N, C-alpha and C. Protein backbone atom coordinates (compact mmCIF):
# COMPACT_ATOMS: atom_id res chain seq x y z
N MET A 1 47.98 62.08 14.46
CA MET A 1 49.33 62.42 14.83
C MET A 1 50.15 61.15 14.99
N SER A 2 51.36 61.23 14.55
CA SER A 2 52.24 60.08 14.69
C SER A 2 53.08 60.24 15.96
N ASP A 3 53.67 59.13 16.38
CA ASP A 3 54.50 59.14 17.57
C ASP A 3 55.95 59.50 17.26
N GLU A 4 56.24 59.81 16.03
CA GLU A 4 57.60 60.14 15.65
C GLU A 4 57.98 61.52 16.19
N ALA A 5 59.24 61.66 16.53
CA ALA A 5 59.74 62.95 16.98
C ALA A 5 59.88 63.87 15.78
N LYS A 6 59.50 65.10 15.96
CA LYS A 6 59.59 66.07 14.87
C LYS A 6 60.78 66.97 15.14
N TYR A 7 61.66 67.03 14.18
CA TYR A 7 62.85 67.85 14.31
C TYR A 7 62.74 69.05 13.39
N THR A 8 63.26 70.14 13.84
CA THR A 8 63.20 71.35 13.04
C THR A 8 64.48 71.50 12.23
N THR A 9 64.34 72.02 11.06
CA THR A 9 65.51 72.29 10.23
C THR A 9 65.67 73.79 10.01
N ASP A 10 64.81 74.56 10.65
CA ASP A 10 64.88 76.01 10.54
C ASP A 10 66.11 76.50 11.32
N PRO A 11 67.03 77.20 10.67
CA PRO A 11 68.26 77.63 11.35
C PRO A 11 68.00 78.57 12.53
N LYS A 12 66.97 79.40 12.45
CA LYS A 12 66.67 80.31 13.55
C LYS A 12 66.30 79.53 14.80
N ASN A 13 65.41 78.55 14.67
CA ASN A 13 65.00 77.74 15.82
C ASN A 13 66.15 76.91 16.35
N THR A 14 66.98 76.38 15.48
CA THR A 14 68.11 75.56 15.90
C THR A 14 69.11 76.41 16.68
N ASP A 15 69.41 77.59 16.19
CA ASP A 15 70.33 78.47 16.91
C ASP A 15 69.78 78.86 18.27
N TYR A 16 68.49 79.13 18.32
CA TYR A 16 67.85 79.49 19.57
C TYR A 16 67.93 78.35 20.57
N LEU A 17 67.61 77.14 20.13
CA LEU A 17 67.66 75.99 21.03
C LEU A 17 69.07 75.71 21.51
N LEU A 18 70.04 75.83 20.63
CA LEU A 18 71.43 75.61 21.04
C LEU A 18 71.90 76.66 22.04
N LYS A 19 71.51 77.91 21.82
CA LYS A 19 71.87 78.99 22.75
C LYS A 19 71.22 78.77 24.11
N MET A 20 69.97 78.34 24.14
CA MET A 20 69.29 78.07 25.40
C MET A 20 69.96 76.93 26.16
N GLN A 21 70.34 75.88 25.46
CA GLN A 21 71.03 74.77 26.11
C GLN A 21 72.39 75.20 26.63
N GLU A 22 73.09 76.04 25.89
CA GLU A 22 74.39 76.53 26.34
C GLU A 22 74.25 77.38 27.59
N MET A 23 73.25 78.25 27.62
CA MET A 23 73.02 79.10 28.79
C MET A 23 72.64 78.26 30.00
N LYS A 24 71.82 77.25 29.79
CA LYS A 24 71.40 76.37 30.88
C LYS A 24 72.60 75.60 31.43
N HIS A 25 73.48 75.17 30.55
CA HIS A 25 74.67 74.43 30.96
C HIS A 25 75.63 75.32 31.73
N GLU A 26 75.80 76.57 31.30
CA GLU A 26 76.71 77.49 31.97
C GLU A 26 76.18 77.93 33.33
N ALA A 27 74.88 78.11 33.44
CA ALA A 27 74.30 78.62 34.67
C ALA A 27 74.31 77.58 35.79
N GLY A 28 74.05 76.35 35.47
CA GLY A 28 73.99 75.32 36.49
C GLY A 28 72.73 75.42 37.31
N VAL A 29 72.71 74.70 38.42
CA VAL A 29 71.52 74.65 39.27
C VAL A 29 71.31 75.99 39.99
N LEU A 30 72.36 76.53 40.59
CA LEU A 30 72.20 77.79 41.31
C LEU A 30 71.94 78.95 40.35
N GLY A 31 72.53 78.90 39.18
CA GLY A 31 72.30 79.94 38.20
C GLY A 31 70.88 79.96 37.71
N SER A 32 70.26 78.80 37.62
CA SER A 32 68.86 78.77 37.20
C SER A 32 67.95 79.30 38.30
N PHE A 33 68.39 79.20 39.56
CA PHE A 33 67.59 79.71 40.67
C PHE A 33 67.80 81.21 40.86
N PHE A 34 69.06 81.66 40.84
CA PHE A 34 69.38 83.06 41.13
C PHE A 34 69.42 83.95 39.90
N GLY A 35 69.55 83.38 38.73
CA GLY A 35 69.56 84.19 37.52
C GLY A 35 70.96 84.39 36.98
N SER A 36 71.07 85.32 36.06
CA SER A 36 72.34 85.57 35.39
C SER A 36 73.34 86.21 36.35
N THR A 37 74.59 86.28 35.92
CA THR A 37 75.63 86.84 36.78
C THR A 37 75.39 88.31 37.08
N GLN A 38 74.72 89.03 36.20
CA GLN A 38 74.43 90.44 36.46
C GLN A 38 73.38 90.61 37.56
N ARG A 39 72.49 89.65 37.68
CA ARG A 39 71.40 89.77 38.65
C ARG A 39 71.57 88.86 39.85
N ALA A 40 72.58 88.02 39.88
CA ALA A 40 72.72 87.03 40.95
C ALA A 40 72.90 87.69 42.31
N ALA A 41 73.72 88.72 42.39
CA ALA A 41 73.98 89.36 43.68
C ALA A 41 72.71 89.97 44.27
N SER A 42 71.93 90.64 43.45
CA SER A 42 70.69 91.23 43.97
C SER A 42 69.67 90.14 44.30
N SER A 43 69.64 89.06 43.55
CA SER A 43 68.72 87.97 43.86
C SER A 43 69.08 87.32 45.19
N ILE A 44 70.35 87.13 45.43
CA ILE A 44 70.80 86.54 46.70
C ILE A 44 70.46 87.49 47.85
N ALA A 45 70.63 88.79 47.66
CA ALA A 45 70.30 89.76 48.70
C ALA A 45 68.81 89.73 49.02
N TRP A 46 67.96 89.64 48.00
CA TRP A 46 66.51 89.57 48.24
C TRP A 46 66.13 88.29 48.97
N VAL A 47 66.75 87.18 48.61
CA VAL A 47 66.47 85.91 49.31
C VAL A 47 66.90 86.02 50.76
N MET A 48 68.06 86.62 51.00
CA MET A 48 68.54 86.79 52.37
C MET A 48 67.59 87.66 53.19
N ILE A 49 67.11 88.76 52.60
CA ILE A 49 66.16 89.63 53.30
C ILE A 49 64.89 88.86 53.64
N PHE A 50 64.37 88.12 52.68
CA PHE A 50 63.15 87.35 52.91
C PHE A 50 63.34 86.33 54.04
N LEU A 51 64.45 85.59 54.01
CA LEU A 51 64.68 84.58 55.03
C LEU A 51 64.88 85.19 56.42
N LEU A 52 65.59 86.31 56.49
CA LEU A 52 65.81 86.95 57.78
C LEU A 52 64.51 87.50 58.37
N VAL A 53 63.71 88.14 57.54
CA VAL A 53 62.43 88.68 58.04
C VAL A 53 61.48 87.54 58.42
N ALA A 54 61.44 86.49 57.61
CA ALA A 54 60.56 85.35 57.93
C ALA A 54 61.00 84.68 59.22
N SER A 55 62.30 84.52 59.41
CA SER A 55 62.76 83.90 60.66
C SER A 55 62.52 84.81 61.85
N GLY A 56 62.60 86.12 61.64
CA GLY A 56 62.30 87.06 62.71
C GLY A 56 60.83 87.03 63.11
N ILE A 57 59.95 86.89 62.14
CA ILE A 57 58.52 86.78 62.45
C ILE A 57 58.23 85.47 63.17
N LEU A 58 58.88 84.40 62.72
CA LEU A 58 58.70 83.12 63.40
C LEU A 58 59.23 83.17 64.83
N ALA A 59 60.29 83.91 65.07
CA ALA A 59 60.86 84.03 66.41
C ALA A 59 59.89 84.73 67.36
N LEU A 60 58.99 85.53 66.82
CA LEU A 60 58.00 86.19 67.67
C LEU A 60 56.97 85.20 68.21
N PHE A 61 56.66 84.15 67.43
CA PHE A 61 55.57 83.27 67.80
C PHE A 61 56.01 81.90 68.31
N ILE A 62 57.24 81.52 68.03
CA ILE A 62 57.73 80.21 68.47
C ILE A 62 58.63 80.42 69.67
N PRO A 63 58.34 79.76 70.77
CA PRO A 63 59.19 79.93 71.95
C PRO A 63 60.58 79.31 71.72
N CYS A 64 61.60 80.07 72.05
CA CYS A 64 62.98 79.58 71.93
C CYS A 64 63.83 80.23 73.01
N SER A 65 65.10 79.85 73.06
CA SER A 65 65.97 80.35 74.12
C SER A 65 66.35 81.81 73.94
N VAL A 66 66.29 82.30 72.72
CA VAL A 66 66.61 83.70 72.44
C VAL A 66 65.33 84.52 72.44
N GLN A 67 65.33 85.60 73.16
CA GLN A 67 64.16 86.47 73.20
C GLN A 67 64.00 87.17 71.84
N PRO A 68 62.77 87.41 71.41
CA PRO A 68 62.55 88.05 70.10
C PRO A 68 63.23 89.42 69.97
N VAL A 69 63.27 90.18 71.06
CA VAL A 69 63.91 91.50 71.00
C VAL A 69 65.40 91.34 70.71
N GLU A 70 66.03 90.38 71.35
CA GLU A 70 67.45 90.14 71.12
C GLU A 70 67.69 89.63 69.69
N TYR A 71 66.78 88.81 69.22
CA TYR A 71 66.91 88.28 67.86
C TYR A 71 66.81 89.40 66.84
N TRP A 72 65.86 90.32 67.04
CA TRP A 72 65.71 91.42 66.10
C TRP A 72 66.88 92.39 66.18
N LYS A 73 67.56 92.45 67.33
CA LYS A 73 68.77 93.28 67.42
C LYS A 73 69.88 92.73 66.54
N ILE A 74 69.86 91.44 66.29
CA ILE A 74 70.85 90.82 65.41
C ILE A 74 70.39 90.89 63.95
N VAL A 75 69.12 90.63 63.71
CA VAL A 75 68.60 90.51 62.35
C VAL A 75 68.44 91.88 61.66
N SER A 76 67.99 92.88 62.38
CA SER A 76 67.69 94.17 61.73
C SER A 76 68.92 94.82 61.09
N PRO A 77 70.11 94.78 61.68
CA PRO A 77 71.26 95.34 60.95
C PRO A 77 71.59 94.57 59.67
N LEU A 78 71.38 93.27 59.68
CA LEU A 78 71.63 92.48 58.48
C LEU A 78 70.65 92.81 57.36
N VAL A 79 69.39 93.02 57.74
CA VAL A 79 68.37 93.38 56.75
C VAL A 79 68.68 94.76 56.17
N THR A 80 69.03 95.72 57.03
CA THR A 80 69.34 97.06 56.52
C THR A 80 70.63 97.06 55.71
N LEU A 81 71.57 96.20 56.04
CA LEU A 81 72.79 96.07 55.25
C LEU A 81 72.46 95.59 53.83
N ALA A 82 71.62 94.57 53.75
CA ALA A 82 71.23 94.04 52.44
C ALA A 82 70.42 95.07 51.65
N LEU A 83 69.53 95.78 52.31
CA LEU A 83 68.75 96.81 51.63
C LEU A 83 69.66 97.95 51.16
N GLY A 84 70.63 98.31 51.97
CA GLY A 84 71.58 99.34 51.56
C GLY A 84 72.39 98.91 50.36
N TYR A 85 72.73 97.63 50.30
CA TYR A 85 73.44 97.12 49.13
C TYR A 85 72.57 97.19 47.88
N LEU A 86 71.31 96.79 48.03
CA LEU A 86 70.42 96.77 46.88
C LEU A 86 70.12 98.15 46.32
N PHE A 87 69.81 99.09 47.20
CA PHE A 87 69.38 100.39 46.74
C PHE A 87 70.51 101.41 46.66
N GLY A 88 71.65 101.11 47.23
CA GLY A 88 72.78 102.02 47.17
C GLY A 88 73.77 101.64 46.08
N ARG A 89 73.57 100.52 45.47
CA ARG A 89 74.49 100.02 44.45
C ARG A 89 74.26 100.78 43.15
N LYS A 90 75.37 101.12 42.50
CA LYS A 90 75.28 101.81 41.22
C LYS A 90 75.65 100.82 40.12
N ASP A 91 74.73 100.61 39.21
CA ASP A 91 75.01 99.72 38.07
C ASP A 91 75.86 100.45 37.06
N LYS A 92 76.74 99.68 36.46
CA LYS A 92 77.64 100.28 35.45
C LYS A 92 77.01 100.23 34.10
């Protein structure tokens, strides 16, 4: 094998590579994490649910100034709000 770079001249591969680079450029850093614009809202909602539940579980075991019961009184409506958005949303 040589150390030379191999370039493709196949139009199908070239179009594919250019389209992938264009999509990567348009999406940016957050777009690559959350996905396309059609799925970004649901991805953000799932991340929010995960973080709220994880912080609620940590609040049970880590001593802090807020009692776990009080913390769950704040967190549980937010989790149900996000779940209601995810499962109550109608896609067009």
